[in-house]
N, C-alpha and C. Protein backbone atom coordinates (compact mmCIF):
# COMPACT_ATOMS: atom_id res chain seq x y z
N MET A 1 18.31 133.04 135.46
CA MET A 1 18.35 132.68 134.07
C MET A 1 19.42 133.51 133.36
N SER A 2 20.05 132.88 132.39
CA SER A 2 21.09 133.55 131.64
C SER A 2 20.46 134.51 130.64
N ARG A 3 21.08 135.66 130.45
CA ARG A 3 20.53 136.63 129.50
C ARG A 3 20.78 136.18 128.07
N VAL A 4 21.87 135.44 127.86
CA VAL A 4 22.18 134.99 126.50
C VAL A 4 21.31 133.80 126.13
N ASN A 5 21.31 132.80 127.00
CA ASN A 5 20.53 131.60 126.75
C ASN A 5 19.56 131.40 127.92
N PRO A 6 18.26 131.60 127.70
CA PRO A 6 17.30 131.54 128.79
C PRO A 6 17.14 130.13 129.40
N THR A 7 17.64 129.10 128.74
CA THR A 7 17.48 127.75 129.28
C THR A 7 18.56 127.40 130.29
N ILE A 8 19.68 128.16 130.33
CA ILE A 8 20.76 127.89 131.26
C ILE A 8 20.57 128.79 132.49
N PRO A 9 20.42 128.20 133.68
CA PRO A 9 20.24 129.05 134.88
C PRO A 9 21.54 129.75 135.25
N GLU A 10 21.40 130.96 135.81
CA GLU A 10 22.56 131.74 136.23
C GLU A 10 23.11 131.19 137.53
N GLN A 11 24.42 131.06 137.62
CA GLN A 11 25.04 130.58 138.84
C GLN A 11 25.39 131.77 139.73
N GLU A 12 25.17 131.61 141.04
CA GLU A 12 25.52 132.67 141.97
C GLU A 12 27.01 132.60 142.28
N PRO A 13 27.64 133.75 142.45
CA PRO A 13 29.07 133.74 142.79
C PRO A 13 29.26 133.16 144.20
N PRO A 14 30.41 132.55 144.46
CA PRO A 14 30.64 131.98 145.79
C PRO A 14 30.72 133.10 146.83
N PRO A 15 30.30 132.82 148.07
CA PRO A 15 30.37 133.87 149.11
C PRO A 15 31.82 134.20 149.47
N LEU A 16 32.01 135.41 149.94
CA LEU A 16 33.36 135.83 150.36
C LEU A 16 33.78 135.09 151.62
N PRO A 17 35.04 134.77 151.74
CA PRO A 17 35.51 134.20 153.01
C PRO A 17 35.30 135.22 154.14
N PRO A 18 35.03 134.74 155.36
CA PRO A 18 34.74 135.68 156.46
C PRO A 18 35.87 136.68 156.72
N ALA A 19 37.12 136.27 156.57
CA ALA A 19 38.23 137.20 156.83
C ALA A 19 38.22 138.35 155.82
N VAL A 20 37.93 138.07 154.57
CA VAL A 20 37.89 139.12 153.54
C VAL A 20 36.70 140.04 153.80
N ARG A 21 35.55 139.46 154.09
CA ARG A 21 34.35 140.26 154.37
C ARG A 21 34.58 141.17 155.57
N ASN A 22 35.14 140.62 156.65
CA ASN A 22 35.37 141.42 157.86
C ASN A 22 36.38 142.53 157.62
N THR A 23 37.40 142.27 156.82
CA THR A 23 38.39 143.30 156.50
C THR A 23 37.75 144.42 155.70
N MET A 24 36.94 144.07 154.73
CA MET A 24 36.29 145.09 153.91
C MET A 24 35.33 145.93 154.75
N VAL A 25 34.54 145.29 155.56
CA VAL A 25 33.59 146.01 156.42
C VAL A 25 34.34 146.85 157.45
N GLY A 26 35.41 146.30 158.02
CA GLY A 26 36.19 147.04 159.02
C GLY A 26 36.83 148.28 158.45
N CYS A 27 37.38 148.20 157.26
CA CYS A 27 38.02 149.37 156.64
C CYS A 27 36.99 150.46 156.34
N LEU A 28 35.85 150.08 155.82
CA LEU A 28 34.81 151.06 155.51
C LEU A 28 34.30 151.72 156.77
N THR A 29 34.00 150.94 157.81
CA THR A 29 33.47 151.52 159.03
C THR A 29 34.53 152.31 159.79
N PHE A 30 35.81 152.01 159.61
CA PHE A 30 36.88 152.79 160.23
C PHE A 30 36.84 154.23 159.71
N VAL A 31 36.74 154.38 158.41
CA VAL A 31 36.72 155.72 157.80
C VAL A 31 35.45 156.47 158.21
N VAL A 32 34.31 155.79 158.10
CA VAL A 32 33.05 156.42 158.47
C VAL A 32 33.04 156.79 159.95
N GLY A 33 33.54 155.90 160.80
CA GLY A 33 33.58 156.17 162.23
C GLY A 33 34.50 157.33 162.56
N PHE A 34 35.64 157.44 161.88
CA PHE A 34 36.57 158.53 162.15
C PHE A 34 35.93 159.88 161.86
N PHE A 35 35.37 160.04 160.68
CA PHE A 35 34.79 161.33 160.32
C PHE A 35 33.50 161.61 161.08
N GLY A 36 32.69 160.59 161.30
CA GLY A 36 31.46 160.79 162.07
C GLY A 36 31.76 161.15 163.51
N GLY A 37 32.70 160.46 164.13
CA GLY A 37 33.07 160.77 165.51
C GLY A 37 33.67 162.15 165.64
N GLY A 38 34.47 162.55 164.67
CA GLY A 38 35.04 163.89 164.68
C GLY A 38 33.99 164.98 164.60
N MET A 39 33.00 164.78 163.74
CA MET A 39 31.93 165.78 163.61
C MET A 39 31.08 165.85 164.88
N ILE A 40 30.80 164.70 165.48
CA ILE A 40 30.02 164.69 166.71
C ILE A 40 30.78 165.37 167.84
N ALA A 41 32.09 165.14 167.93
CA ALA A 41 32.90 165.77 168.98
C ALA A 41 32.95 167.29 168.81
N VAL A 42 33.06 167.76 167.59
CA VAL A 42 33.07 169.22 167.35
C VAL A 42 31.70 169.79 167.70
N LEU A 43 30.64 169.06 167.40
CA LEU A 43 29.30 169.52 167.77
C LEU A 43 29.17 169.61 169.30
N LEU A 44 29.70 168.63 170.02
CA LEU A 44 29.67 168.69 171.49
C LEU A 44 30.49 169.87 172.00
N GLY A 45 31.65 170.11 171.39
CA GLY A 45 32.46 171.27 171.76
C GLY A 45 31.74 172.58 171.50
N LYS A 46 31.01 172.64 170.41
CA LYS A 46 30.22 173.83 170.10
C LYS A 46 29.13 174.04 171.15
N GLY A 47 28.54 172.93 171.62
CA GLY A 47 27.54 173.02 172.68
C GLY A 47 28.15 173.54 173.98
N VAL A 48 29.37 173.10 174.30
CA VAL A 48 30.07 173.60 175.48
C VAL A 48 30.34 175.09 175.33
N ASP A 49 30.74 175.51 174.15
CA ASP A 49 30.98 176.94 173.91
C ASP A 49 29.69 177.75 174.08
N MET A 50 28.58 177.21 173.62
CA MET A 50 27.30 177.91 173.77
C MET A 50 26.93 178.01 175.25
N ALA A 51 27.19 176.96 176.02
CA ALA A 51 26.88 176.99 177.45
C ALA A 51 27.76 178.01 178.17
N ARG A 52 29.00 178.19 177.71
CA ARG A 52 29.92 179.16 178.32
C ARG A 52 29.75 180.56 177.72
N ARG A 53 28.87 180.68 176.73
CA ARG A 53 28.60 181.95 176.04
C ARG A 53 29.85 182.53 175.39
N CYS A 54 30.59 181.64 174.77
CA CYS A 54 31.81 182.04 174.07
C CYS A 54 31.48 182.24 172.59
N VAL A 55 31.96 183.32 172.02
CA VAL A 55 31.75 183.59 170.61
C VAL A 55 33.03 183.23 169.87
N PRO A 56 32.96 182.25 168.95
CA PRO A 56 34.19 181.84 168.24
C PRO A 56 34.67 182.92 167.27
N PRO A 57 35.96 182.94 167.00
CA PRO A 57 36.48 183.89 166.00
C PRO A 57 35.91 183.58 164.62
N GLU A 58 35.97 184.58 163.78
CA GLU A 58 35.44 184.44 162.41
C GLU A 58 36.11 183.27 161.69
N GLY A 59 35.32 182.38 161.13
CA GLY A 59 35.84 181.28 160.33
C GLY A 59 36.16 180.01 161.09
N LEU A 60 36.03 180.02 162.42
CA LEU A 60 36.30 178.82 163.22
C LEU A 60 34.99 178.30 163.81
N PRO A 61 34.87 176.98 163.96
CA PRO A 61 33.61 176.43 164.46
C PRO A 61 33.41 176.60 165.96
N MET A 62 34.50 176.76 166.73
CA MET A 62 34.36 176.89 168.18
C MET A 62 35.53 177.65 168.77
N CYS A 63 35.39 178.07 170.03
CA CYS A 63 36.42 178.88 170.70
C CYS A 63 37.66 178.06 171.02
N GLY A 64 37.49 176.85 171.51
CA GLY A 64 38.61 176.03 171.91
C GLY A 64 39.37 175.48 170.72
N ASP A 65 40.24 174.54 170.99
CA ASP A 65 41.02 173.90 169.94
C ASP A 65 40.15 172.85 169.25
N TRP A 66 39.45 173.27 168.21
CA TRP A 66 38.48 172.38 167.56
C TRP A 66 39.16 171.18 166.92
N ALA A 67 40.41 171.31 166.48
CA ALA A 67 41.11 170.19 165.85
C ALA A 67 41.37 169.08 166.86
N LEU A 68 41.61 169.46 168.11
CA LEU A 68 41.80 168.46 169.16
C LEU A 68 40.50 167.69 169.41
N PHE A 69 39.38 168.42 169.45
CA PHE A 69 38.08 167.76 169.59
C PHE A 69 37.81 166.83 168.41
N ALA A 70 38.08 167.31 167.20
CA ALA A 70 37.80 166.51 166.00
C ALA A 70 38.66 165.26 165.97
N PHE A 71 39.94 165.38 166.30
CA PHE A 71 40.83 164.22 166.26
C PHE A 71 40.48 163.22 167.36
N GLY A 72 40.22 163.72 168.56
CA GLY A 72 39.85 162.83 169.67
C GLY A 72 38.55 162.08 169.38
N GLY A 73 37.55 162.80 168.92
CA GLY A 73 36.28 162.16 168.57
C GLY A 73 36.44 161.21 167.40
N GLY A 74 37.31 161.57 166.46
CA GLY A 74 37.57 160.70 165.32
C GLY A 74 38.20 159.38 165.75
N LEU A 75 39.14 159.44 166.68
CA LEU A 75 39.76 158.20 167.18
C LEU A 75 38.74 157.32 167.90
N ILE A 76 37.90 157.95 168.71
CA ILE A 76 36.87 157.18 169.42
C ILE A 76 35.92 156.53 168.41
N GLY A 77 35.48 157.30 167.42
CA GLY A 77 34.58 156.76 166.41
C GLY A 77 35.21 155.69 165.55
N ALA A 78 36.52 155.86 165.24
CA ALA A 78 37.22 154.88 164.40
C ALA A 78 37.42 153.56 165.12
N ILE A 79 37.41 153.57 166.43
CA ILE A 79 37.53 152.32 167.19
C ILE A 79 36.15 151.76 167.50
N PHE A 80 35.23 152.63 167.90
CA PHE A 80 33.91 152.18 168.35
C PHE A 80 33.06 151.57 167.23
N LEU A 81 32.92 152.26 166.11
CA LEU A 81 32.03 151.79 165.05
C LEU A 81 32.46 150.46 164.45
N PRO A 82 33.71 150.27 164.03
CA PRO A 82 34.08 148.95 163.49
C PRO A 82 33.93 147.83 164.53
N THR A 83 34.24 148.14 165.79
CA THR A 83 34.10 147.11 166.83
C THR A 83 32.66 146.66 166.96
N MET A 84 31.73 147.60 167.01
CA MET A 84 30.31 147.24 167.14
C MET A 84 29.80 146.49 165.92
N VAL A 85 30.18 146.94 164.74
CA VAL A 85 29.71 146.28 163.51
C VAL A 85 30.27 144.86 163.40
N LEU A 86 31.55 144.69 163.68
CA LEU A 86 32.14 143.36 163.59
C LEU A 86 31.61 142.42 164.66
N MET A 87 31.31 142.95 165.86
CA MET A 87 30.68 142.10 166.89
C MET A 87 29.31 141.63 166.42
N LYS A 88 28.54 142.53 165.81
CA LYS A 88 27.21 142.17 165.30
C LYS A 88 27.32 141.15 164.17
N LEU A 89 28.28 141.33 163.27
CA LEU A 89 28.47 140.36 162.19
C LEU A 89 28.86 138.99 162.73
N ARG A 90 29.73 138.98 163.72
CA ARG A 90 30.16 137.71 164.32
C ARG A 90 28.98 137.01 164.99
N ARG A 91 28.13 137.77 165.69
CA ARG A 91 26.96 137.19 166.34
C ARG A 91 25.98 136.61 165.33
N SER A 92 25.75 137.35 164.24
CA SER A 92 24.78 136.88 163.25
C SER A 92 25.32 135.65 162.50
N SER A 93 26.62 135.61 162.23
CA SER A 93 27.17 134.43 161.54
C SER A 93 27.17 133.22 162.48
N ALA A 94 27.37 133.44 163.78
CA ALA A 94 27.31 132.32 164.73
C ALA A 94 25.88 131.81 164.85
N ALA A 95 24.90 132.70 164.82
CA ALA A 95 23.50 132.28 164.89
C ALA A 95 23.12 131.50 163.64
N THR A 96 23.64 131.90 162.50
CA THR A 96 23.35 131.19 161.25
C THR A 96 23.98 129.80 161.29
N ARG A 97 25.20 129.69 161.79
CA ARG A 97 25.84 128.36 161.90
C ARG A 97 25.07 127.45 162.85
N ASN A 98 24.62 128.00 163.97
CA ASN A 98 23.90 127.19 164.95
C ASN A 98 22.54 126.75 164.44
N SER A 99 21.87 127.58 163.66
CA SER A 99 20.55 127.22 163.15
C SER A 99 20.68 126.19 162.03
N ALA A 100 21.81 126.15 161.34
CA ALA A 100 22.00 125.20 160.25
C ALA A 100 22.26 123.80 160.76
N GLN A 101 22.68 123.66 162.01
CA GLN A 101 22.99 122.33 162.55
C GLN A 101 21.78 121.60 162.99
């Protein structure tokens, strides 16, 4: 219902085209995947340091080259997360098309 005139029903906006939706979702999950993967990789590196009983220098998260771990994990996350999300979106939209027929 319209807020101005209660007798006129509110129209829903048209849905986004799939290419626009997928681009928006892909860009968001790329950023989230990069930073999430980087943090997980540094955590794994910290676990390796703990297993080797290495004490990191003051102010650094781990003994090894933590930036290399963060960047490598970030690249893996930036590829993995958008791929999985877009595959799931494609599957769900295909299921919706098939059920509508």
